[in-house]
Amino acid sequence: MTLSQAIIDRILELQQERKITTNKLATLSGLAQPTVRDVLYGVSKAPKINTLLHICEGLNINLREFFNDSIFDNVVDEENDDEL
């Protein structure tokens, strides 16, 4: 799985757990709705860590909690499919 897909899947999982929509996540994160949507639809292939920080704040977790998931164990680089 690519890193960007793992990030998308993790955000969607956390949204589902908290029963919040993308619009609500954008509001809670203090980000524009198109910014969050671009991350979730894969338009933003490499979201800035600052954007992820805001999303984590909206989900009421920190970056460590976000990345502390087995989904990130075997991610690959989008450009050359090398495992990270």
PDB file of N, CA and C in Angstrom:
ATOM      1  N   MET A   1       0.847  -1.170   0.000  1.00  0.00           N
ATOM      2  CA  MET A   1       0.000   0.000   0.000  1.00  0.00           C
ATOM      3  C   MET A   1       0.895   1.237   0.000  1.00  0.00           C
ATOM      4  N   THR A   2       0.490   2.247  -0.746  1.00  0.00           N
ATOM      5  CA  THR A   2       1.266   3.485  -0.778  1.00  0.00           C
ATOM      6  C   THR A   2       1.030   4.287   0.502  1.00  0.00           C
ATOM      7  N   LEU A   3       1.980   5.147   0.808  1.00  0.00           N
ATOM      8  CA  LEU A   3       1.858   5.994   1.989  1.00  0.00           C
ATOM      9  C   LEU A   3       0.619   6.872   1.901  1.00  0.00           C
ATOM     10  N   SER A   4       0.373   7.472   0.752  1.00  0.00           N
ATOM     11  CA  SER A   4      -0.792   8.360   0.639  1.00  0.00           C
ATOM     12  C   SER A   4      -2.096   7.584   0.835  1.00  0.00           C
ATOM     13  N   GLN A   5      -2.175   6.351   0.334  1.00  0.00           N
ATOM     14  CA  GLN A   5      -3.386   5.553   0.536  1.00  0.00           C
ATOM     15  C   GLN A   5      -3.541   5.153   2.003  1.00  0.00           C
ATOM     16  N   ALA A   6      -2.429   4.863   2.662  1.00  0.00           N
ATOM     17  CA  ALA A   6      -2.478   4.528   4.083  1.00  0.00           C
ATOM     18  C   ALA A   6      -2.983   5.724   4.897  1.00  0.00           C
ATOM     19  N   ILE A   7      -2.533   6.925   4.555  1.00  0.00           N
ATOM     20  CA  ILE A   7      -2.988   8.135   5.242  1.00  0.00           C
ATOM     21  C   ILE A   7      -4.483   8.322   5.026  1.00  0.00           C
ATOM     22  N   ILE A   8      -4.934   8.160   3.787  1.00  0.00           N
ATOM     23  CA  ILE A   8      -6.365   8.287   3.474  1.00  0.00           C
ATOM     24  C   ILE A   8      -7.171   7.279   4.287  1.00  0.00           C
ATOM     25  N   ASP A   9      -6.753   6.019   4.256  1.00  0.00           N
ATOM     26  CA  ASP A   9      -7.482   4.967   4.966  1.00  0.00           C
ATOM     27  C   ASP A   9      -7.526   5.223   6.466  1.00  0.00           C
ATOM     28  N   ARG A  10      -6.424   5.710   7.007  1.00  0.00           N
ATOM     29  CA  ARG A  10      -6.377   5.985   8.457  1.00  0.00           C
ATOM     30  C   ARG A  10      -7.317   7.121   8.818  1.00  0.00           C
ATOM     31  N   ILE A  11      -7.335   8.179   8.034  1.00  0.00           N
ATOM     32  CA  ILE A  11      -8.253   9.293   8.314  1.00  0.00           C
ATOM     33  C   ILE A  11      -9.697   8.815   8.222  1.00  0.00           C
ATOM     34  N   LEU A  12     -10.018   8.070   7.171  1.00  0.00           N
ATOM     35  CA  LEU A  12     -11.386   7.572   7.013  1.00  0.00           C
ATOM     36  C   LEU A  12     -11.794   6.664   8.166  1.00  0.00           C
ATOM     37  N   GLU A  13     -10.862   5.825   8.622  1.00  0.00           N
ATOM     38  CA  GLU A  13     -11.135   4.947   9.760  1.00  0.00           C
ATOM     39  C   GLU A  13     -11.457   5.766  11.013  1.00  0.00           C
ATOM     40  N   LEU A  14     -10.651   6.788  11.259  1.00  0.00           N
ATOM     41  CA  LEU A  14     -10.866   7.626  12.436  1.00  0.00           C
ATOM     42  C   LEU A  14     -12.151   8.439  12.326  1.00  0.00           C
ATOM     43  N   GLN A  15     -12.459   8.904  11.118  1.00  0.00           N
ATOM     44  CA  GLN A  15     -13.725   9.612  10.909  1.00  0.00           C
ATOM     45  C   GLN A  15     -14.905   8.693  11.213  1.00  0.00           C
ATOM     46  N   GLN A  16     -14.827   7.485  10.714  1.00  0.00           N
ATOM     47  CA  GLN A  16     -15.916   6.532  10.925  1.00  0.00           C
ATOM     48  C   GLN A  16     -16.084   6.217  12.410  1.00  0.00           C
ATOM     49  N   GLU A  17     -14.976   6.003  13.106  1.00  0.00           N
ATOM     50  CA  GLU A  17     -15.035   5.732  14.543  1.00  0.00           C
ATOM     51  C   GLU A  17     -15.722   6.871  15.291  1.00  0.00           C
ATOM     52  N   ARG A  18     -15.445   8.101  14.860  1.00  0.00           N
ATOM     53  CA  ARG A  18     -15.982   9.276  15.549  1.00  0.00           C
ATOM     54  C   ARG A  18     -17.300   9.761  14.955  1.00  0.00           C
ATOM     55  N   LYS A  19     -17.712   9.106  13.874  1.00  0.00           N
ATOM     56  CA  LYS A  19     -18.965   9.449  13.196  1.00  0.00           C
ATOM     57  C   LYS A  19     -19.005  10.925  12.802  1.00  0.00           C
ATOM     58  N   ILE A  20     -17.918  11.376  12.123  1.00  0.00           N
ATOM     59  CA  ILE A  20     -17.884  12.755  11.651  1.00  0.00           C
ATOM     60  C   ILE A  20     -17.664  12.780  10.142  1.00  0.00           C
ATOM     61  N   THR A  21     -18.285  13.732   9.509  1.00  0.00           N
ATOM     62  CA  THR A  21     -18.179  13.895   8.063  1.00  0.00           C
ATOM     63  C   THR A  21     -16.895  14.638   7.713  1.00  0.00           C
ATOM     64  N   THR A  22     -16.584  14.660   6.442  1.00  0.00           N
ATOM     65  CA  THR A  22     -15.421  15.409   5.974  1.00  0.00           C
ATOM     66  C   THR A  22     -15.595  16.894   6.271  1.00  0.00           C
ATOM     67  N   ASN A  23     -16.797  17.416   6.072  1.00  0.00           N
ATOM     68  CA  ASN A  23     -17.046  18.831   6.373  1.00  0.00           C
ATOM     69  C   ASN A  23     -16.830  19.121   7.855  1.00  0.00           C
ATOM     70  N   LYS A  24     -17.304  18.233   8.709  1.00  0.00           N
ATOM     71  CA  LYS A  24     -17.134  18.412  10.153  1.00  0.00           C
ATOM     72  C   LYS A  24     -15.657  18.321  10.524  1.00  0.00           C
ATOM     73  N   LEU A  25     -14.939  17.379   9.910  1.00  0.00           N
ATOM     74  CA  LEU A  25     -13.504  17.252  10.176  1.00  0.00           C
ATOM     75  C   LEU A  25     -12.773  18.531   9.771  1.00  0.00           C
ATOM     76  N   ALA A  26     -13.129  19.093   8.639  1.00  0.00           N
ATOM     77  CA  ALA A  26     -12.506  20.340   8.190  1.00  0.00           C
ATOM     78  C   ALA A  26     -12.746  21.447   9.217  1.00  0.00           C
ATOM     79  N   THR A  27     -13.967  21.555   9.692  1.00  0.00           N
ATOM     80  CA  THR A  27     -14.306  22.571  10.689  1.00  0.00           C
ATOM     81  C   THR A  27     -13.515  22.363  11.974  1.00  0.00           C
ATOM     82  N   LEU A  28     -13.499  21.116  12.460  1.00  0.00           N
ATOM     83  CA  LEU A  28     -12.782  20.804  13.698  1.00  0.00           C
ATOM     84  C   LEU A  28     -11.274  21.014  13.549  1.00  0.00           C
ATOM     85  N   SER A  29     -10.780  20.836  12.339  1.00  0.00           N
ATOM     86  CA  SER A  29      -9.346  20.958  12.068  1.00  0.00           C
ATOM     87  C   SER A  29      -8.921  22.391  11.781  1.00  0.00           C
ATOM     88  N   GLY A  30      -9.879  23.261  11.518  1.00  0.00           N
ATOM     89  CA  GLY A  30      -9.554  24.633  11.162  1.00  0.00           C
ATOM     90  C   GLY A  30      -8.988  24.744   9.752  1.00  0.00           C
ATOM     91  N   LEU A  31      -9.338  23.756   8.911  1.00  0.00           N
ATOM     92  CA  LEU A  31      -8.870  23.740   7.524  1.00  0.00           C
ATOM     93  C   LEU A  31     -10.040  23.974   6.586  1.00  0.00           C
ATOM     94  N   ALA A  32      -9.732  24.440   5.403  1.00  0.00           N
ATOM     95  CA  ALA A  32     -10.762  24.598   4.385  1.00  0.00           C
ATOM     96  C   ALA A  32     -11.240  23.212   3.953  1.00  0.00           C
ATOM     97  N   GLN A  33     -12.519  23.081   3.695  1.00  0.00           N
ATOM     98  CA  GLN A  33     -13.079  21.795   3.285  1.00  0.00           C
ATOM     99  C   GLN A  33     -12.380  21.233   2.049  1.00  0.00           C
ATOM    100  N   PRO A  34     -12.067  22.062   1.035  1.00  0.00           N
ATOM    101  CA  PRO A  34     -11.351  21.516  -0.125  1.00  0.00           C
ATOM    102  C   PRO A  34      -9.973  20.941   0.226  1.00  0.00           C
ATOM    103  N   THR A  35      -9.316  21.485   1.227  1.00  0.00           N
ATOM    104  CA  THR A  35      -8.015  20.956   1.644  1.00  0.00           C
ATOM    105  C   THR A  35      -8.155  19.537   2.164  1.00  0.00           C
ATOM    106  N   VAL A  36      -9.111  19.322   3.047  1.00  0.00           N
ATOM    107  CA  VAL A  36      -9.345  17.984   3.605  1.00  0.00           C
ATOM    108  C   VAL A  36      -9.816  17.047   2.500  1.00  0.00           C
ATOM    109  N   ARG A  37     -10.709  17.513   1.661  1.00  0.00           N
ATOM    110  CA  ARG A  37     -11.211  16.692   0.553  1.00  0.00           C
ATOM    111  C   ARG A  37     -10.070  16.278  -0.380  1.00  0.00           C
ATOM    112  N   ASP A  38      -9.161  17.191  -0.680  1.00  0.00           N
ATOM    113  CA  ASP A  38      -8.029  16.865  -1.558  1.00  0.00           C
ATOM    114  C   ASP A  38      -7.141  15.781  -0.954  1.00  0.00           C
ATOM    115  N   VAL A  39      -6.965  15.798   0.355  1.00  0.00           N
ATOM    116  CA  VAL A  39      -6.200  14.738   1.017  1.00  0.00           C
ATOM    117  C   VAL A  39      -6.951  13.412   0.892  1.00  0.00           C
ATOM    118  N   LEU A  40      -8.244  13.420   1.183  1.00  0.00           N
ATOM    119  CA  LEU A  40      -9.033  12.183   1.187  1.00  0.00           C
ATOM    120  C   LEU A  40      -9.270  11.610  -0.204  1.00  0.00           C
ATOM    121  N   TYR A  41      -9.285  12.446  -1.227  1.00  0.00           N
ATOM    122  CA  TYR A  41      -9.499  11.960  -2.596  1.00  0.00           C
ATOM    123  C   TYR A  41      -8.190  11.694  -3.330  1.00  0.00           C
ATOM    124  N   GLY A  42      -7.068  11.847  -2.624  1.00  0.00           N
ATOM    125  CA  GLY A  42      -5.783  11.548  -3.218  1.00  0.00           C
ATOM    126  C   GLY A  42      -5.260  12.609  -4.167  1.00  0.00           C
ATOM    127  N   VAL A  43      -5.917  13.765  -4.212  1.00  0.00           N
ATOM    128  CA  VAL A  43      -5.438  14.862  -5.058  1.00  0.00           C
ATOM    129  C   VAL A  43      -4.097  15.342  -4.510  1.00  0.00           C
ATOM    130  N   SER A  44      -4.024  15.431  -3.193  1.00  0.00           N
ATOM    131  CA  SER A  44      -2.778  15.790  -2.526  1.00  0.00           C
ATOM    132  C   SER A  44      -2.043  14.492  -2.200  1.00  0.00           C
ATOM    133  N   LYS A  45      -1.104  14.105  -3.055  1.00  0.00           N
ATOM    134  CA  LYS A  45      -0.385  12.837  -2.909  1.00  0.00           C
ATOM    135  C   LYS A  45       0.526  12.817  -1.694  1.00  0.00           C
ATOM    136  N   ALA A  46       1.025  13.966  -1.311  1.00  0.00           N
ATOM    137  CA  ALA A  46       1.928  14.054  -0.168  1.00  0.00           C
ATOM    138  C   ALA A  46       1.508  15.239   0.698  1.00  0.00           C
ATOM    139  N   PRO A  47       0.474  15.042   1.527  1.00  0.00           N
ATOM    140  CA  PRO A  47       0.020  16.169   2.349  1.00  0.00           C
ATOM    141  C   PRO A  47       1.124  16.628   3.299  1.00  0.00           C
ATOM    142  N   LYS A  48       1.185  17.913   3.506  1.00  0.00           N
ATOM    143  CA  LYS A  48       2.174  18.475   4.414  1.00  0.00           C
ATOM    144  C   LYS A  48       1.910  17.966   5.824  1.00  0.00           C
ATOM    145  N   ILE A  49       2.963  17.803   6.594  1.00  0.00           N
ATOM    146  CA  ILE A  49       2.828  17.329   7.960  1.00  0.00           C
ATOM    147  C   ILE A  49       1.998  18.310   8.783  1.00  0.00           C
ATOM    148  N   ASN A  50       2.081  19.588   8.438  1.00  0.00           N
ATOM    149  CA  ASN A  50       1.278  20.593   9.132  1.00  0.00           C
ATOM    150  C   ASN A  50      -0.211  20.361   8.892  1.00  0.00           C
ATOM    151  N   THR A  51      -0.565  19.968   7.671  1.00  0.00           N
ATOM    152  CA  THR A  51      -1.964  19.652   7.363  1.00  0.00           C
ATOM    153  C   THR A  51      -2.411  18.439   8.169  1.00  0.00           C
ATOM    154  N   LEU A  52      -1.565  17.419   8.236  1.00  0.00           N
ATOM    155  CA  LEU A  52      -1.898  16.240   9.038  1.00  0.00           C
ATOM    156  C   LEU A  52      -2.014  16.581  10.514  1.00  0.00           C
ATOM    157  N   LEU A  53      -1.170  17.486  10.986  1.00  0.00           N
ATOM    158  CA  LEU A  53      -1.254  17.923  12.377  1.00  0.00           C
ATOM    159  C   LEU A  53      -2.619  18.536  12.670  1.00  0.00           C
ATOM    160  N   HIS A  54      -3.086  19.393  11.770  1.00  0.00           N
ATOM    161  CA  HIS A  54      -4.402  20.015  11.957  1.00  0.00           C
ATOM    162  C   HIS A  54      -5.516  18.972  11.904  1.00  0.00           C
ATOM    163  N   ILE A  55      -5.411  18.020  11.002  1.00  0.00           N
ATOM    164  CA  ILE A  55      -6.407  16.955  10.921  1.00  0.00           C
ATOM    165  C   ILE A  55      -6.406  16.148  12.222  1.00  0.00           C
ATOM    166  N   CYS A  56      -5.224  15.855  12.732  1.00  0.00           N
ATOM    167  CA  CYS A  56      -5.134  15.135  14.000  1.00  0.00           C
ATOM    168  C   CYS A  56      -5.776  15.934  15.132  1.00  0.00           C
ATOM    169  N   GLU A  57      -5.535  17.221  15.153  1.00  0.00           N
ATOM    170  CA  GLU A  57      -6.158  18.073  16.172  1.00  0.00           C
ATOM    171  C   GLU A  57      -7.677  17.990  16.070  1.00  0.00           C
ATOM    172  N   GLY A  58      -8.193  17.986  14.827  1.00  0.00           N
ATOM    173  CA  GLY A  58      -9.632  17.862  14.623  1.00  0.00           C
ATOM    174  C   GLY A  58     -10.168  16.512  15.075  1.00  0.00           C
ATOM    175  N   LEU A  59      -9.331  15.487  14.995  1.00  0.00           N
ATOM    176  CA  LEU A  59      -9.713  14.146  15.432  1.00  0.00           C
ATOM    177  C   LEU A  59      -9.417  13.929  16.913  1.00  0.00           C
ATOM    178  N   ASN A  60      -8.844  14.934  17.552  1.00  0.00           N
ATOM    179  CA  ASN A  60      -8.505  14.907  18.970  1.00  0.00           C
ATOM    180  C   ASN A  60      -7.461  13.835  19.300  1.00  0.00           C
ATOM    181  N   ILE A  61      -6.457  13.715  18.422  1.00  0.00           N
ATOM    182  CA  ILE A  61      -5.328  12.820  18.651  1.00  0.00           C
ATOM    183  C   ILE A  61      -4.052  13.553  18.278  1.00  0.00           C
ATOM    184  N   ASN A  62      -2.911  12.973  18.624  1.00  0.00           N
ATOM    185  CA  ASN A  62      -1.650  13.579  18.201  1.00  0.00           C
ATOM    186  C   ASN A  62      -1.081  12.773  17.031  1.00  0.00           C
ATOM    187  N   LEU A  63      -0.010  13.287  16.451  1.00  0.00           N
ATOM    188  CA  LEU A  63       0.587  12.619  15.291  1.00  0.00           C
ATOM    189  C   LEU A  63       1.073  11.215  15.625  1.00  0.00           C
ATOM    190  N   ARG A  64       1.608  11.021  16.814  1.00  0.00           N
ATOM    191  CA  ARG A  64       2.073   9.690  17.213  1.00  0.00           C
ATOM    192  C   ARG A  64       0.915   8.701  17.188  1.00  0.00           C
ATOM    193  N   GLU A  65      -0.228   9.102  17.723  1.00  0.00           N
ATOM    194  CA  GLU A  65      -1.400   8.218  17.716  1.00  0.00           C
ATOM    195  C   GLU A  65      -1.870   7.942  16.288  1.00  0.00           C
ATOM    196  N   PHE A  66      -1.789   8.955  15.438  1.00  0.00           N
ATOM    197  CA  PHE A  66      -2.213   8.785  14.055  1.00  0.00           C
ATOM    198  C   PHE A  66      -1.366   7.727  13.355  1.00  0.00           C
ATOM    199  N   PHE A  67      -0.048   7.838  13.473  1.00  0.00           N
ATOM    200  CA  PHE A  67       0.850   6.940  12.764  1.00  0.00           C
ATOM    201  C   PHE A  67       1.103   5.618  13.498  1.00  0.00           C
ATOM    202  N   ASN A  68       0.646   5.505  14.732  1.00  0.00           N
ATOM    203  CA  ASN A  68       0.826   4.278  15.500  1.00  0.00           C
ATOM    204  C   ASN A  68      -0.283   3.279  15.155  1.00  0.00           C
ATOM    205  N   ASP A  69      -0.245   2.814  13.928  1.00  0.00           N
ATOM    206  CA  ASP A  69      -1.244   1.875  13.425  1.00  0.00           C
ATOM    207  C   ASP A  69      -0.558   0.933  12.449  1.00  0.00           C
ATOM    208  N   SER A  70      -0.971  -0.303  12.448  1.00  0.00           N
ATOM    209  CA  SER A  70      -0.328  -1.309  11.598  1.00  0.00           C
ATOM    210  C   SER A  70      -0.460  -1.006  10.108  1.00  0.00           C
ATOM    211  N   ILE A  71      -1.376  -0.140   9.732  1.00  0.00           N
ATOM    212  CA  ILE A  71      -1.540   0.218   8.321  1.00  0.00           C
ATOM    213  C   ILE A  71      -0.257   0.828   7.749  1.00  0.00           C
ATOM    214  N   PHE A  72       0.572   1.402   8.626  1.00  0.00           N
ATOM    215  CA  PHE A  72       1.805   2.051   8.176  1.00  0.00           C
ATOM    216  C   PHE A  72       3.021   1.117   8.210  1.00  0.00           C
ATOM    217  N   ASP A  73       2.822  -0.137   8.586  1.00  0.00           N
ATOM    218  CA  ASP A  73       3.946  -1.071   8.727  1.00  0.00           C
ATOM    219  C   ASP A  73       4.656  -1.380   7.412  1.00  0.00           C
ATOM    220  N   ASN A  74       3.939  -1.473   6.322  1.00  0.00           N
ATOM    221  CA  ASN A  74       4.538  -1.890   5.051  1.00  0.00           C
ATOM    222  C   ASN A  74       4.182  -0.970   3.894  1.00  0.00           C
ATOM    223  N   VAL A  75       4.222   0.327   4.142  1.00  0.00           N
ATOM    224  CA  VAL A  75       3.895   1.271   3.076  1.00  0.00           C
ATOM    225  C   VAL A  75       5.038   1.341   2.073  1.00  0.00           C
ATOM    226  N   VAL A  76       4.691   1.715   0.846  1.00  0.00           N
ATOM    227  CA  VAL A  76       5.687   1.859  -0.207  1.00  0.00           C
ATOM    228  C   VAL A  76       5.665   3.278  -0.746  1.00  0.00           C
ATOM    229  N   ASP A  77       6.774   3.664  -1.331  1.00  0.00           N
ATOM    230  CA  ASP A  77       6.917   4.966  -1.961  1.00  0.00           C
ATOM    231  C   ASP A  77       6.111   4.961  -3.260  1.00  0.00           C
ATOM    232  N   GLU A  78       5.282   5.959  -3.448  1.00  0.00           N
ATOM    233  CA  GLU A  78       4.444   6.050  -4.635  1.00  0.00           C
ATOM    234  C   GLU A  78       5.244   6.062  -5.931  1.00  0.00           C
ATOM    235  N   GLU A  79       6.398   6.701  -5.903  1.00  0.00           N
ATOM    236  CA  GLU A  79       7.145   6.918  -7.136  1.00  0.00           C
ATOM    237  C   GLU A  79       7.927   5.698  -7.602  1.00  0.00           C
ATOM    238  N   ASN A  80       8.450   4.906  -6.665  1.00  0.00           N
ATOM    239  CA  ASN A  80       9.256   3.785  -7.121  1.00  0.00           C
ATOM    240  C   ASN A  80       8.930   2.456  -6.445  1.00  0.00           C
ATOM    241  N   ASP A  81       7.829   2.414  -5.725  1.00  0.00           N
ATOM    242  CA  ASP A  81       7.324   1.202  -5.087  1.00  0.00           C
ATOM    243  C   ASP A  81       8.329   0.538  -4.135  1.00  0.00           C
ATOM    244  N   ASP A  82       9.263   1.299  -3.610  1.00  0.00           N
ATOM    245  CA  ASP A  82      10.182   0.773  -2.610  1.00  0.00           C
ATOM    246  C   ASP A  82       9.521   0.837  -1.239  1.00  0.00           C
ATOM    247  N   GLU A  83       9.649  -0.244  -0.494  1.00  0.00           N
ATOM    248  CA  GLU A  83       9.079  -0.258   0.842  1.00  0.00           C
ATOM    249  C   GLU A  83       9.826   0.738   1.700  1.00  0.00           C
ATOM    250  N   LEU A  84       9.069   1.496   2.503  1.00  0.00           N
ATOM    251  CA  LEU A  84       9.707   2.501   3.375  1.00  0.00           C
ATOM    252  C   LEU A  84      10.006   1.901   4.727  1.00  0.00           C
TER     253      LEU A  84
END
